[in-house]
Amino acid sequence: MKSVSETPATETKAVASRRPKTISWLRKRAADLAPFATLALLVIFFGLASDSFLDIYNLRNILSQIATLSIVATGMTFVLLCGQIDLSVAAVATMTGVIAANLFSEAKMPEIVAVLAGIAVAGVFGFVSGWGTTKVGLPSFMMTLVAMQVANGAALFISKGKINYNVPPVLKSLGSDYLGPIPLVVVMGAIALIIGHVVLTYTRFGRYVYMTGSNRVGAELSGINTRMVIGACLVISAVCAGIAGMLNTGRLGSAQSYGLDSFLLDSITAVVLGGTSLFGGQGGVKNTVIGLLVFGVLSNGLNQIQLDIYIRLLIAGLILLTALLINNYALKLRSVETEIES
């Protein structure tokens, strides 16, 4: 007969203590290992399916293709970690590129002033989204949806629907020049990721972001101004989107009021693919890096094997769905293992 002290919780702990440590370690790190496994499988598959996939120039192309997206994804990581969402990133990126090009070509402003003005406008959009979310009390989903509409309208109004080829030379340089064998735009993307990782990992603000996303009520009881944290994350996301939009303008050599709509879904997909939770508090920039590589390898690999264009998008969507389901299951494994040990 069992004693009163032998509760289900203690029995669970006893079972857990008898399991091999390797299994426990794998379960706790499943959320980090799953994206790595997905990336490795994709690289092996496309490496075998295409002779040119592992070519050094193609690998450099992959980095170039995800360079501007990595900047947007860095900002999106901050937002998702604190349990919010930013739907305005693509629109803000488009608008910022149009503003910078228009101020340089039409208002005859110095190129640096035009670029800084574009970043400032992006920051204002992020501030307004943060204000509406934290002060007014609107969900970030709705507030950034409104910001998306306004930014799209502003880009269309300023450009009048025309393509502006007279973009600031500094943006052309950053978007198309090379630093040795590496494109400058790749360097800019890496800098954004490194700064984001340092802030989230080694600063007090980064700890506040994780605490706000994990348990907002508990964070507030600990004296953290969670409204300030959420507002700051939305500003960071908007500024990152603005910088990415201007770099993309320089890379293409033109500014237009359309063409960057994919930034929104692609950035969220890349961040979540890496293992960052949509519900906040779990993940980070290092996870985003893996998600970006998975996304870039998949997109490039499907082009390399010359898959029928009419089915390419479907196949990509199914692969991404499978990867997301695996990552979600891995997150649940880690949560269960943490509960058992506690």
C-alpha atoms as a PDB file:
ATOM      1  CA  MET A   1       0.000   0.000   0.000  1.00  0.00           C
ATOM      2  CA  LYS A   2       1.319   3.445  -0.940  1.00  0.00           C
ATOM      3  CA  SER A   3       2.083   5.963   1.731  1.00  0.00           C
ATOM      4  CA  VAL A   4       0.426   9.353   1.783  1.00  0.00           C
ATOM      5  CA  SER A   5       3.682  11.009   0.752  1.00  0.00           C
ATOM      6  CA  GLU A   6       3.822   9.067  -2.524  1.00  0.00           C
ATOM      7  CA  THR A   7       1.927  11.634  -4.598  1.00  0.00           C
ATOM      8  CA  PRO A   8       1.757  11.563  -8.412  1.00  0.00           C
ATOM      9  CA  ALA A   9       4.287  14.426  -8.528  1.00  0.00           C
ATOM     10  CA  THR A  10       6.856  12.535  -6.482  1.00  0.00           C
ATOM     11  CA  GLU A  11       6.261   9.392  -8.538  1.00  0.00           C
ATOM     12  CA  THR A  12       6.827  11.383 -11.735  1.00  0.00           C
ATOM     13  CA  LYS A  13      10.083  12.749 -10.350  1.00  0.00           C
ATOM     14  CA  ALA A  14      11.140   9.268  -9.353  1.00  0.00           C
ATOM     15  CA  VAL A  15      10.495   7.979 -12.868  1.00  0.00           C
ATOM     16  CA  ALA A  16      12.357  10.942 -14.323  1.00  0.00           C
ATOM     17  CA  SER A  17      15.346  10.297 -12.086  1.00  0.00           C
ATOM     18  CA  ARG A  18      15.598   6.710 -13.409  1.00  0.00           C
ATOM     19  CA  ARG A  19      15.715   7.798 -17.045  1.00  0.00           C
ATOM     20  CA  PRO A  20      19.091   8.067 -18.816  1.00  0.00           C
ATOM     21  CA  LYS A  21      20.533  11.576 -18.551  1.00  0.00           C
ATOM     22  CA  THR A  22      21.019  11.649 -22.324  1.00  0.00           C
ATOM     23  CA  ILE A  23      17.259  11.417 -22.924  1.00  0.00           C
ATOM     24  CA  SER A  24      16.572  14.176 -20.425  1.00  0.00           C
ATOM     25  CA  TRP A  25      19.227  16.370 -22.051  1.00  0.00           C
ATOM     26  CA  LEU A  26      17.789  15.803 -25.523  1.00  0.00           C
ATOM     27  CA  ARG A  27      14.242  16.593 -24.400  1.00  0.00           C
ATOM     28  CA  LYS A  28      15.320  19.845 -22.733  1.00  0.00           C
ATOM     29  CA  ARG A  29      17.235  20.954 -25.813  1.00  0.00           C
ATOM     30  CA  ALA A  30      14.804  19.647 -28.403  1.00  0.00           C
ATOM     31  CA  ALA A  31      13.596  23.153 -29.229  1.00  0.00           C
ATOM     32  CA  ASP A  32      17.162  24.187 -30.128  1.00  0.00           C
ATOM     33  CA  LEU A  33      18.145  20.944 -31.864  1.00  0.00           C
ATOM     34  CA  ALA A  34      15.051  20.673 -34.102  1.00  0.00           C
ATOM     35  CA  PRO A  35      15.864  23.744 -36.255  1.00  0.00           C
ATOM     36  CA  PHE A  36      19.481  22.546 -36.591  1.00  0.00           C
ATOM     37  CA  ALA A  37      18.245  19.133 -37.732  1.00  0.00           C
ATOM     38  CA  THR A  38      15.888  20.748 -40.253  1.00  0.00           C
ATOM     39  CA  LEU A  39      18.702  22.895 -41.644  1.00  0.00           C
ATOM     40  CA  ALA A  40      21.087  19.943 -41.876  1.00  0.00           C
ATOM     41  CA  LEU A  41      18.521  17.778 -43.700  1.00  0.00           C
ATOM     42  CA  LEU A  42      17.751  20.535 -46.207  1.00  0.00           C
ATOM     43  CA  VAL A  43      21.445  21.179 -46.902  1.00  0.00           C
ATOM     44  CA  ILE A  44      22.126  17.457 -47.412  1.00  0.00           C
ATOM     45  CA  PHE A  45      19.084  17.004 -49.658  1.00  0.00           C
ATOM     46  CA  PHE A  46      19.734  19.995 -51.907  1.00  0.00           C
ATOM     47  CA  GLY A  47      23.465  19.281 -51.918  1.00  0.00           C
ATOM     48  CA  LEU A  48      22.735  15.837 -53.356  1.00  0.00           C
ATOM     49  CA  ALA A  49      19.953  17.020 -55.674  1.00  0.00           C
ATOM     50  CA  SER A  50      21.903  19.902 -57.248  1.00  0.00           C
ATOM     51  CA  ASP A  51      25.554  20.060 -58.273  1.00  0.00           C
ATOM     52  CA  SER A  52      25.661  23.852 -57.873  1.00  0.00           C
ATOM     53  CA  PHE A  53      23.915  24.192 -54.494  1.00  0.00           C
ATOM     54  CA  LEU A  54      27.069  23.867 -52.374  1.00  0.00           C
ATOM     55  CA  ASP A  55      29.070  26.120 -54.699  1.00  0.00           C
ATOM     56  CA  ILE A  56      30.648  28.983 -52.740  1.00  0.00           C
ATOM     57  CA  TYR A  57      28.999  31.579 -54.971  1.00  0.00           C
ATOM     58  CA  ASN A  58      25.574  30.058 -54.440  1.00  0.00           C
ATOM     59  CA  LEU A  59      26.098  29.980 -50.666  1.00  0.00           C
ATOM     60  CA  ARG A  60      26.994  33.658 -50.866  1.00  0.00           C
ATOM     61  CA  ASN A  61      23.786  34.230 -52.839  1.00  0.00           C
ATOM     62  CA  ILE A  62      21.788  32.623 -50.035  1.00  0.00           C
ATOM     63  CA  LEU A  63      23.306  35.047 -47.518  1.00  0.00           C
ATOM     64  CA  SER A  64      22.582  37.983 -49.837  1.00  0.00           C
ATOM     65  CA  GLN A  65      18.976  36.878 -50.291  1.00  0.00           C
ATOM     66  CA  ILE A  66      18.284  36.786 -46.546  1.00  0.00           C
ATOM     67  CA  ALA A  67      20.423  39.826 -45.617  1.00  0.00           C
ATOM     68  CA  THR A  68      17.698  42.468 -45.510  1.00  0.00           C
ATOM     69  CA  LEU A  69      15.205  39.946 -44.143  1.00  0.00           C
ATOM     70  CA  SER A  70      17.604  39.264 -41.257  1.00  0.00           C
ATOM     71  CA  ILE A  71      17.354  42.898 -40.160  1.00  0.00           C
ATOM     72  CA  VAL A  72      13.546  42.772 -40.156  1.00  0.00           C
ATOM     73  CA  ALA A  73      13.661  39.414 -38.356  1.00  0.00           C
ATOM     74  CA  THR A  74      15.933  40.872 -35.671  1.00  0.00           C
ATOM     75  CA  GLY A  75      13.299  43.463 -34.792  1.00  0.00           C
ATOM     76  CA  MET A  76      10.518  40.887 -35.041  1.00  0.00           C
ATOM     77  CA  THR A  77      12.394  38.685 -32.541  1.00  0.00           C
ATOM     78  CA  PHE A  78      12.184  41.440 -29.914  1.00  0.00           C
ATOM     79  CA  VAL A  79       8.452  41.841 -30.506  1.00  0.00           C
ATOM     80  CA  LEU A  80       7.619  38.124 -30.388  1.00  0.00           C
ATOM     81  CA  LEU A  81       9.756  37.579 -27.287  1.00  0.00           C
ATOM     82  CA  CYS A  82       7.631  40.036 -25.327  1.00  0.00           C
ATOM     83  CA  GLY A  83       4.451  38.308 -26.497  1.00  0.00           C
ATOM     84  CA  GLN A  84       3.354  40.818 -29.134  1.00  0.00           C
ATOM     85  CA  ILE A  85       3.136  40.978 -32.953  1.00  0.00           C
ATOM     86  CA  ASP A  86       4.069  43.638 -35.522  1.00  0.00           C
ATOM     87  CA  LEU A  87       2.132  43.492 -38.794  1.00  0.00           C
ATOM     88  CA  SER A  88       3.483  46.803 -40.102  1.00  0.00           C
ATOM     89  CA  VAL A  89       7.093  45.810 -40.871  1.00  0.00           C
ATOM     90  CA  ALA A  90       6.650  45.314 -44.630  1.00  0.00           C
ATOM     91  CA  ALA A  91       4.680  48.531 -45.058  1.00  0.00           C
ATOM     92  CA  VAL A  92       7.135  50.537 -42.938  1.00  0.00           C
ATOM     93  CA  ALA A  93      10.061  49.119 -44.939  1.00  0.00           C
ATOM     94  CA  THR A  94       8.414  50.137 -48.214  1.00  0.00           C
ATOM     95  CA  MET A  95       7.450  53.593 -46.947  1.00  0.00           C
ATOM     96  CA  THR A  96      10.904  54.336 -45.523  1.00  0.00           C
ATOM     97  CA  GLY A  97      12.645  53.537 -48.799  1.00  0.00           C
ATOM     98  CA  VAL A  98      10.206  55.782 -50.690  1.00  0.00           C
ATOM     99  CA  ILE A  99      10.670  58.633 -48.197  1.00  0.00           C
ATOM    100  CA  ALA A 100      14.484  58.500 -48.309  1.00  0.00           C
ATOM    101  CA  ALA A 101      14.549  58.441 -52.107  1.00  0.00           C
ATOM    102  CA  ASN A 102      11.960  61.211 -52.393  1.00  0.00           C
ATOM    103  CA  LEU A 103      13.710  63.520 -49.928  1.00  0.00           C
ATOM    104  CA  PHE A 104      16.984  63.026 -51.776  1.00  0.00           C
ATOM    105  CA  SER A 105      15.662  63.378 -55.329  1.00  0.00           C
ATOM    106  CA  GLU A 106      12.766  65.820 -54.932  1.00  0.00           C
ATOM    107  CA  ALA A 107      13.529  67.836 -51.788  1.00  0.00           C
ATOM    108  CA  LYS A 108      17.266  67.878 -52.627  1.00  0.00           C
ATOM    109  CA  MET A 109      18.256  66.958 -49.100  1.00  0.00           C
ATOM    110  CA  PRO A 110      21.771  65.611 -48.417  1.00  0.00           C
ATOM    111  CA  GLU A 111      21.761  61.828 -48.668  1.00  0.00           C
ATOM    112  CA  ILE A 112      22.647  61.289 -45.003  1.00  0.00           C
ATOM    113  CA  VAL A 113      19.834  63.621 -43.911  1.00  0.00           C
ATOM    114  CA  ALA A 114      17.381  61.784 -46.169  1.00  0.00           C
ATOM    115  CA  VAL A 115      18.417  58.405 -44.737  1.00  0.00           C
ATOM    116  CA  LEU A 116      18.245  59.617 -41.127  1.00  0.00           C
ATOM    117  CA  ALA A 117      14.837  61.179 -41.798  1.00  0.00           C
ATOM    118  CA  GLY A 118      13.596  57.838 -43.110  1.00  0.00           C
ATOM    119  CA  ILE A 119      14.812  56.058 -39.979  1.00  0.00           C
ATOM    120  CA  ALA A 120      13.192  58.742 -37.816  1.00  0.00           C
ATOM    121  CA  VAL A 121       9.826  58.319 -39.563  1.00  0.00           C
ATOM    122  CA  ALA A 122      10.036  54.554 -39.044  1.00  0.00           C
ATOM    123  CA  GLY A 123      10.765  55.166 -35.354  1.00  0.00           C
ATOM    124  CA  VAL A 124       7.711  57.427 -35.100  1.00  0.00           C
ATOM    125  CA  PHE A 125       5.516  54.664 -36.520  1.00  0.00           C
ATOM    126  CA  GLY A 126       6.931  52.246 -33.980  1.00  0.00           C
ATOM    127  CA  PHE A 127       6.355  54.756 -31.171  1.00  0.00           C
ATOM    128  CA  VAL A 128       2.732  55.297 -32.208  1.00  0.00           C
ATOM    129  CA  SER A 129       2.157  51.535 -32.378  1.00  0.00           C
ATOM    130  CA  GLY A 130       3.706  51.167 -28.926  1.00  0.00           C
ATOM    131  CA  TRP A 131       1.620  54.028 -27.548  1.00  0.00           C
ATOM    132  CA  GLY A 132      -1.610  52.567 -28.895  1.00  0.00           C
ATOM    133  CA  THR A 133      -0.745  49.122 -27.549  1.00  0.00           C
ATOM    134  CA  THR A 134       0.450  50.111 -24.074  1.00  0.00           C
ATOM    135  CA  LYS A 135      -1.396  53.337 -23.262  1.00  0.00           C
ATOM    136  CA  VAL A 136      -4.667  53.054 -25.163  1.00  0.00           C
ATOM    137  CA  GLY A 137      -4.874  49.304 -24.614  1.00  0.00           C
ATOM    138  CA  LEU A 138      -5.394  48.165 -28.196  1.00  0.00           C
ATOM    139  CA  PRO A 139      -3.982  44.732 -29.081  1.00  0.00           C
ATOM    140  CA  SER A 140      -0.689  45.016 -30.933  1.00  0.00           C
ATOM    141  CA  PHE A 141      -2.284  42.991 -33.737  1.00  0.00           C
ATOM    142  CA  MET A 142      -4.865  45.713 -34.394  1.00  0.00           C
ATOM    143  CA  MET A 143      -2.563  48.668 -33.715  1.00  0.00           C
ATOM    144  CA  THR A 144       0.132  47.503 -36.106  1.00  0.00           C
ATOM    145  CA  LEU A 145      -2.526  46.541 -38.666  1.00  0.00           C
ATOM    146  CA  VAL A 146      -3.628  50.187 -38.647  1.00  0.00           C
ATOM    147  CA  ALA A 147       0.014  51.294 -38.885  1.00  0.00           C
ATOM    148  CA  MET A 148       0.418  48.986 -41.885  1.00  0.00           C
ATOM    149  CA  GLN A 149      -2.508  50.634 -43.664  1.00  0.00           C
ATOM    150  CA  VAL A 150      -1.223  54.149 -42.931  1.00  0.00           C
ATOM    151  CA  ALA A 151       2.331  53.306 -44.035  1.00  0.00           C
ATOM    152  CA  ASN A 152       1.104  51.725 -47.257  1.00  0.00           C
ATOM    153  CA  GLY A 153      -1.044  54.775 -47.938  1.00  0.00           C
ATOM    154  CA  ALA A 154       1.840  57.147 -47.205  1.00  0.00           C
ATOM    155  CA  ALA A 155       4.180  55.265 -49.553  1.00  0.00           C
ATOM    156  CA  LEU A 156       1.597  55.328 -52.340  1.00  0.00           C
ATOM    157  CA  PHE A 157       0.825  59.042 -51.789  1.00  0.00           C
ATOM    158  CA  ILE A 158       4.476  60.104 -51.768  1.00  0.00           C
ATOM    159  CA  SER A 159       5.481  58.012 -54.784  1.00  0.00           C
ATOM    160  CA  LYS A 160       2.274  58.598 -56.747  1.00  0.00           C
ATOM    161  CA  GLY A 161       2.660  55.000 -57.838  1.00  0.00           C
ATOM    162  CA  LYS A 162       5.861  55.759 -59.760  1.00  0.00           C
ATOM    163  CA  ILE A 163       9.281  54.125 -59.474  1.00  0.00           C
ATOM    164  CA  ASN A 164      12.047  56.475 -58.293  1.00  0.00           C
ATOM    165  CA  TYR A 165      15.475  55.485 -59.626  1.00  0.00           C
ATOM    166  CA  ASN A 166      17.290  58.422 -58.029  1.00  0.00           C
ATOM    167  CA  VAL A 167      18.129  56.873 -54.649  1.00  0.00           C
ATOM    168  CA  PRO A 168      20.820  58.129 -52.239  1.00  0.00           C
ATOM    169  CA  PRO A 169      24.279  56.869 -53.325  1.00  0.00           C
ATOM    170  CA  VAL A 170      25.052  55.692 -49.778  1.00  0.00           C
ATOM    171  CA  LEU A 171      22.141  53.256 -50.021  1.00  0.00           C
ATOM    172  CA  LYS A 172      23.331  52.032 -53.422  1.00  0.00           C
ATOM    173  CA  SER A 173      26.770  51.466 -51.936  1.00  0.00           C
ATOM    174  CA  LEU A 174      25.476  49.581 -48.883  1.00  0.00           C
ATOM    175  CA  GLY A 175      23.072  47.566 -51.003  1.00  0.00           C
ATOM    176  CA  SER A 176      25.366  46.506 -53.850  1.00  0.00           C
ATOM    177  CA  ASP A 177      29.047  46.993 -52.936  1.00  0.00           C
ATOM    178  CA  TYR A 178      31.361  44.355 -51.476  1.00  0.00           C
ATOM    179  CA  LEU A 179      33.678  44.196 -48.493  1.00  0.00           C
ATOM    180  CA  GLY A 180      36.231  41.853 -49.975  1.00  0.00           C
ATOM    181  CA  PRO A 181      34.266  38.800 -51.166  1.00  0.00           C
ATOM    182  CA  ILE A 182      31.298  39.563 -48.893  1.00  0.00           C
ATOM    183  CA  PRO A 183      28.416  41.839 -49.967  1.00  0.00           C
ATOM    184  CA  LEU A 184      28.057  44.874 -47.693  1.00  0.00           C
ATOM    185  CA  VAL A 185      24.352  44.143 -47.268  1.00  0.00           C
ATOM    186  CA  VAL A 186      25.308  40.783 -45.712  1.00  0.00           C
ATOM    187  CA  VAL A 187      27.622  42.604 -43.308  1.00  0.00           C
ATOM    188  CA  MET A 188      24.784  44.967 -42.350  1.00  0.00           C
ATOM    189  CA  GLY A 189      22.481  42.034 -41.699  1.00  0.00           C
ATOM    190  CA  ALA A 190      25.115  40.326 -39.545  1.00  0.00           C
ATOM    191  CA  ILE A 191      25.682  43.524 -37.546  1.00  0.00           C
ATOM    192  CA  ALA A 192      21.941  43.795 -36.837  1.00  0.00           C
ATOM    193  CA  LEU A 193      21.804  40.182 -35.638  1.00  0.00           C
ATOM    194  CA  ILE A 194      24.893  40.577 -33.444  1.00  0.00           C
ATOM    195  CA  ILE A 195      23.587  43.765 -31.830  1.00  0.00           C
ATOM    196  CA  GLY A 196      20.199  42.139 -31.232  1.00  0.00           C
ATOM    197  CA  HIS A 197      21.832  39.088 -29.652  1.00  0.00           C
ATOM    198  CA  VAL A 198      24.049  41.191 -27.377  1.00  0.00           C
ATOM    199  CA  VAL A 199      21.121  43.333 -26.222  1.00  0.00           C
ATOM    200  CA  LEU A 200      18.864  40.360 -25.497  1.00  0.00           C
ATOM    201  CA  THR A 201      21.558  38.239 -23.856  1.00  0.00           C
ATOM    202  CA  TYR A 202      23.792  40.619 -21.933  1.00  0.00           C
ATOM    203  CA  THR A 203      21.711  43.674 -20.992  1.00  0.00           C
ATOM    204  CA  ARG A 204      19.098  44.397 -18.356  1.00  0.00           C
ATOM    205  CA  PHE A 205      16.654  45.445 -21.050  1.00  0.00           C
ATOM    206  CA  GLY A 206      17.052  42.017 -22.696  1.00  0.00           C
ATOM    207  CA  ARG A 207      16.207  40.273 -19.422  1.00  0.00           C
ATOM    208  CA  TYR A 208      13.154  42.521 -19.086  1.00  0.00           C
ATOM    209  CA  VAL A 209      12.009  41.484 -22.579  1.00  0.00           C
ATOM    210  CA  TYR A 210      12.141  37.794 -21.646  1.00  0.00           C
ATOM    211  CA  MET A 211      10.426  38.404 -18.297  1.00  0.00           C
ATOM    212  CA  THR A 212       7.656  40.433 -19.943  1.00  0.00           C
ATOM    213  CA  GLY A 213       7.002  37.707 -22.483  1.00  0.00           C
ATOM    214  CA  SER A 214       7.176  34.847 -19.965  1.00  0.00           C
ATOM    215  CA  ASN A 215       4.956  36.356 -17.280  1.00  0.00           C
ATOM    216  CA  ARG A 216       3.858  39.944 -17.690  1.00  0.00           C
ATOM    217  CA  VAL A 217       1.994  40.099 -14.401  1.00  0.00           C
ATOM    218  CA  GLY A 218       4.937  38.661 -12.520  1.00  0.00           C
ATOM    219  CA  ALA A 219       7.295  41.092 -14.267  1.00  0.00           C
ATOM    220  CA  GLU A 220       5.126  44.037 -13.235  1.00  0.00           C
ATOM    221  CA  LEU A 221       5.035  42.804  -9.640  1.00  0.00           C
ATOM    222  CA  SER A 222       8.843  42.710  -9.786  1.00  0.00           C
ATOM    223  CA  GLY A 223       8.869  46.422 -10.623  1.00  0.00           C
ATOM    224  CA  ILE A 224       9.448  46.161 -14.379  1.00  0.00           C
ATOM    225  CA  ASN A 225       7.718  48.742 -16.551  1.00  0.00           C
ATOM    226  CA  THR A 226       6.339  46.242 -19.061  1.00  0.00           C
ATOM    227  CA  ARG A 227       4.594  48.977 -21.028  1.00  0.00           C
ATOM    228  CA  MET A 228       7.946  50.639 -21.670  1.00  0.00           C
ATOM    229  CA  VAL A 229       9.471  47.293 -22.677  1.00  0.00           C
ATOM    230  CA  ILE A 230       6.702  46.507 -25.176  1.00  0.00           C
ATOM    231  CA  GLY A 231       6.761  50.033 -26.587  1.00  0.00           C
ATOM    232  CA  ALA A 232      10.548  49.925 -26.988  1.00  0.00           C
ATOM    233  CA  CYS A 233      10.354  46.563 -28.765  1.00  0.00           C
ATOM    234  CA  LEU A 234       7.828  47.932 -31.260  1.00  0.00           C
ATOM    235  CA  VAL A 235      10.100  50.922 -31.918  1.00  0.00           C
ATOM    236  CA  ILE A 236      13.058  48.574 -32.443  1.00  0.00           C
ATOM    237  CA  SER A 237      11.004  46.494 -34.869  1.00  0.00           C
ATOM    238  CA  ALA A 238       9.924  49.538 -36.875  1.00  0.00           C
ATOM    239  CA  VAL A 239      13.461  50.983 -37.046  1.00  0.00           C
ATOM    240  CA  CYS A 240      14.850  47.621 -38.168  1.00  0.00           C
ATOM    241  CA  ALA A 241      12.159  47.428 -40.848  1.00  0.00           C
ATOM    242  CA  GLY A 242      12.996  50.969 -41.989  1.00  0.00           C
ATOM    243  CA  ILE A 243      16.702  50.213 -42.276  1.00  0.00           C
ATOM    244  CA  ALA A 244      15.976  46.997 -44.178  1.00  0.00           C
ATOM    245  CA  GLY A 245      13.639  48.854 -46.522  1.00  0.00           C
ATOM    246  CA  MET A 246      16.249  51.464 -47.374  1.00  0.00           C
ATOM    247  CA  LEU A 247      18.956  48.836 -47.876  1.00  0.00           C
ATOM    248  CA  ASN A 248      16.618  46.957 -50.193  1.00  0.00           C
ATOM    249  CA  THR A 249      16.022  50.198 -52.089  1.00  0.00           C
ATOM    250  CA  GLY A 250      19.781  50.598 -52.524  1.00  0.00           C
ATOM    251  CA  ARG A 251      20.163  46.941 -53.530  1.00  0.00           C
ATOM    252  CA  LEU A 252      17.514  47.267 -56.251  1.00  0.00           C
ATOM    253  CA  GLY A 253      18.577  50.801 -57.231  1.00  0.00           C
ATOM    254  CA  SER A 254      14.986  52.034 -57.070  1.00  0.00           C
ATOM    255  CA  ALA A 255      12.229  52.976 -54.629  1.00  0.00           C
ATOM    256  CA  GLN A 256       8.630  51.931 -55.217  1.00  0.00           C
ATOM    257  CA  SER A 257       5.426  51.603 -53.254  1.00  0.00           C
ATOM    258  CA  TYR A 258       5.172  47.831 -53.666  1.00  0.00           C
ATOM    259  CA  GLY A 259       7.329  44.728 -53.751  1.00  0.00           C
ATOM    260  CA  LEU A 260       8.179  44.155 -50.086  1.00  0.00           C
ATOM    261  CA  ASP A 261       4.920  42.561 -48.937  1.00  0.00           C
ATOM    262  CA  SER A 262       6.701  39.258 -48.297  1.00  0.00           C
ATOM    263  CA  PHE A 263       8.782  40.838 -45.508  1.00  0.00           C
ATOM    264  CA  LEU A 264       5.952  40.391 -43.020  1.00  0.00           C
ATOM    265  CA  LEU A 265       5.230  36.670 -43.338  1.00  0.00           C
ATOM    266  CA  ASP A 266       8.845  35.808 -44.156  1.00  0.00           C
ATOM    267  CA  SER A 267      10.195  37.507 -41.031  1.00  0.00           C
ATOM    268  CA  ILE A 268       7.635  35.879 -38.722  1.00  0.00           C
ATOM    269  CA  THR A 269       8.226  32.502 -40.374  1.00  0.00           C
ATOM    270  CA  ALA A 270      12.009  32.773 -40.027  1.00  0.00           C
ATOM    271  CA  VAL A 271      11.811  33.755 -36.357  1.00  0.00           C
ATOM    272  CA  VAL A 272       9.352  30.991 -35.453  1.00  0.00           C
ATOM    273  CA  LEU A 273      11.235  28.412 -37.547  1.00  0.00           C
ATOM    274  CA  GLY A 274      14.270  29.059 -35.383  1.00  0.00           C
ATOM    275  CA  GLY A 275      12.361  28.106 -32.253  1.00  0.00           C
ATOM    276  CA  THR A 276      11.169  31.451 -30.859  1.00  0.00           C
ATOM    277  CA  SER A 277       7.706  31.089 -29.371  1.00  0.00           C
ATOM    278  CA  LEU A 278       4.812  33.169 -30.693  1.00  0.00           C
ATOM    279  CA  PHE A 279       3.592  33.427 -27.101  1.00  0.00           C
ATOM    280  CA  GLY A 280       6.738  35.121 -25.827  1.00  0.00           C
ATOM    281  CA  GLY A 281       9.543  34.404 -23.405  1.00  0.00           C
ATOM    282  CA  GLN A 282      11.336  31.637 -25.335  1.00  0.00           C
ATOM    283  CA  GLY A 283      13.895  31.893 -28.112  1.00  0.00           C
ATOM    284  CA  GLY A 284      16.296  34.590 -29.187  1.00  0.00           C
ATOM    285  CA  VAL A 285      18.404  35.939 -32.026  1.00  0.00           C
ATOM    286  CA  LYS A 286      20.578  32.815 -32.209  1.00  0.00           C
ATOM    287  CA  ASN A 287      17.385  30.883 -32.948  1.00  0.00           C
ATOM    288  CA  THR A 288      16.451  33.472 -35.562  1.00  0.00           C
ATOM    289  CA  VAL A 289      19.781  32.950 -37.349  1.00  0.00           C
ATOM    290  CA  ILE A 290      18.989  29.247 -37.787  1.00  0.00           C
ATOM    291  CA  GLY A 291      15.455  30.068 -38.922  1.00  0.00           C
ATOM    292  CA  LEU A 292      16.789  32.511 -41.503  1.00  0.00           C
ATOM    293  CA  LEU A 293      19.224  29.917 -42.849  1.00  0.00           C
ATOM    294  CA  VAL A 294      16.444  27.312 -43.075  1.00  0.00           C
ATOM    295  CA  PHE A 295      14.277  29.789 -44.948  1.00  0.00           C
ATOM    296  CA  GLY A 296      17.093  30.874 -47.269  1.00  0.00           C
ATOM    297  CA  VAL A 297      18.303  27.341 -47.997  1.00  0.00           C
ATOM    298  CA  LEU A 298      14.761  26.166 -48.756  1.00  0.00           C
ATOM    299  CA  SER A 299      13.992  29.064 -51.122  1.00  0.00           C
ATOM    300  CA  ASN A 300      17.320  28.827 -52.933  1.00  0.00           C
ATOM    301  CA  GLY A 301      17.345  25.032 -53.041  1.00  0.00           C
ATOM    302  CA  LEU A 302      13.943  24.800 -54.701  1.00  0.00           C
ATOM    303  CA  ASN A 303      15.223  27.170 -57.383  1.00  0.00           C
ATOM    304  CA  GLN A 304      18.439  25.160 -57.801  1.00  0.00           C
ATOM    305  CA  ILE A 305      16.625  21.887 -58.485  1.00  0.00           C
ATOM    306  CA  GLN A 306      14.425  23.725 -61.013  1.00  0.00           C
ATOM    307  CA  LEU A 307      11.169  22.560 -59.502  1.00  0.00           C
ATOM    308  CA  ASP A 308       8.067  23.388 -61.519  1.00  0.00           C
ATOM    309  CA  ILE A 309       7.197  26.999 -60.719  1.00  0.00           C
ATOM    310  CA  TYR A 310       3.512  26.112 -60.403  1.00  0.00           C
ATOM    311  CA  ILE A 311       4.127  23.724 -57.498  1.00  0.00           C
ATOM    312  CA  ARG A 312       7.184  25.363 -55.904  1.00  0.00           C
ATOM    313  CA  LEU A 313       5.203  27.549 -53.505  1.00  0.00           C
ATOM    314  CA  LEU A 314       3.055  24.605 -52.414  1.00  0.00           C
ATOM    315  CA  ILE A 315       6.092  22.418 -51.680  1.00  0.00           C
ATOM    316  CA  ALA A 316       7.805  25.234 -49.782  1.00  0.00           C
ATOM    317  CA  GLY A 317       4.681  25.783 -47.687  1.00  0.00           C
ATOM    318  CA  LEU A 318       4.365  22.090 -46.820  1.00  0.00           C
ATOM    319  CA  ILE A 319       8.030  21.862 -45.804  1.00  0.00           C
ATOM    320  CA  LEU A 320       7.737  24.989 -43.650  1.00  0.00           C
ATOM    321  CA  LEU A 321       4.552  23.624 -42.057  1.00  0.00           C
ATOM    322  CA  THR A 322       6.307  20.364 -41.198  1.00  0.00           C
ATOM    323  CA  ALA A 323       9.267  22.232 -39.703  1.00  0.00           C
ATOM    324  CA  LEU A 324       6.960  24.443 -37.627  1.00  0.00           C
ATOM    325  CA  LEU A 325       5.042  21.421 -36.299  1.00  0.00           C
ATOM    326  CA  ILE A 326       8.309  19.724 -35.318  1.00  0.00           C
ATOM    327  CA  ASN A 327       9.530  22.889 -33.585  1.00  0.00           C
ATOM    328  CA  ASN A 328       6.237  23.264 -31.737  1.00  0.00           C
ATOM    329  CA  TYR A 329       6.431  19.659 -30.529  1.00  0.00           C
ATOM    330  CA  ALA A 330      10.030  20.238 -29.425  1.00  0.00           C
ATOM    331  CA  LEU A 331       8.949  23.267 -27.377  1.00  0.00           C
ATOM    332  CA  LYS A 332       6.320  21.132 -25.641  1.00  0.00           C
ATOM    333  CA  LEU A 333       8.928  18.462 -24.867  1.00  0.00           C
ATOM    334  CA  ARG A 334      11.151  21.054 -23.223  1.00  0.00           C
ATOM    335  CA  SER A 335       8.261  22.456 -21.189  1.00  0.00           C
ATOM    336  CA  VAL A 336       7.271  18.985 -19.959  1.00  0.00           C
ATOM    337  CA  GLU A 337      10.860  18.157 -19.035  1.00  0.00           C
ATOM    338  CA  THR A 338      11.223  21.439 -17.143  1.00  0.00           C
ATOM    339  CA  GLU A 339       8.007  20.757 -15.207  1.00  0.00           C
ATOM    340  CA  ILE A 340       9.203  17.243 -14.295  1.00  0.00           C
ATOM    341  CA  GLU A 341      12.525  18.512 -12.975  1.00  0.00           C
ATOM    342  CA  SER A 342      10.883  21.287 -10.991  1.00  0.00           C
END
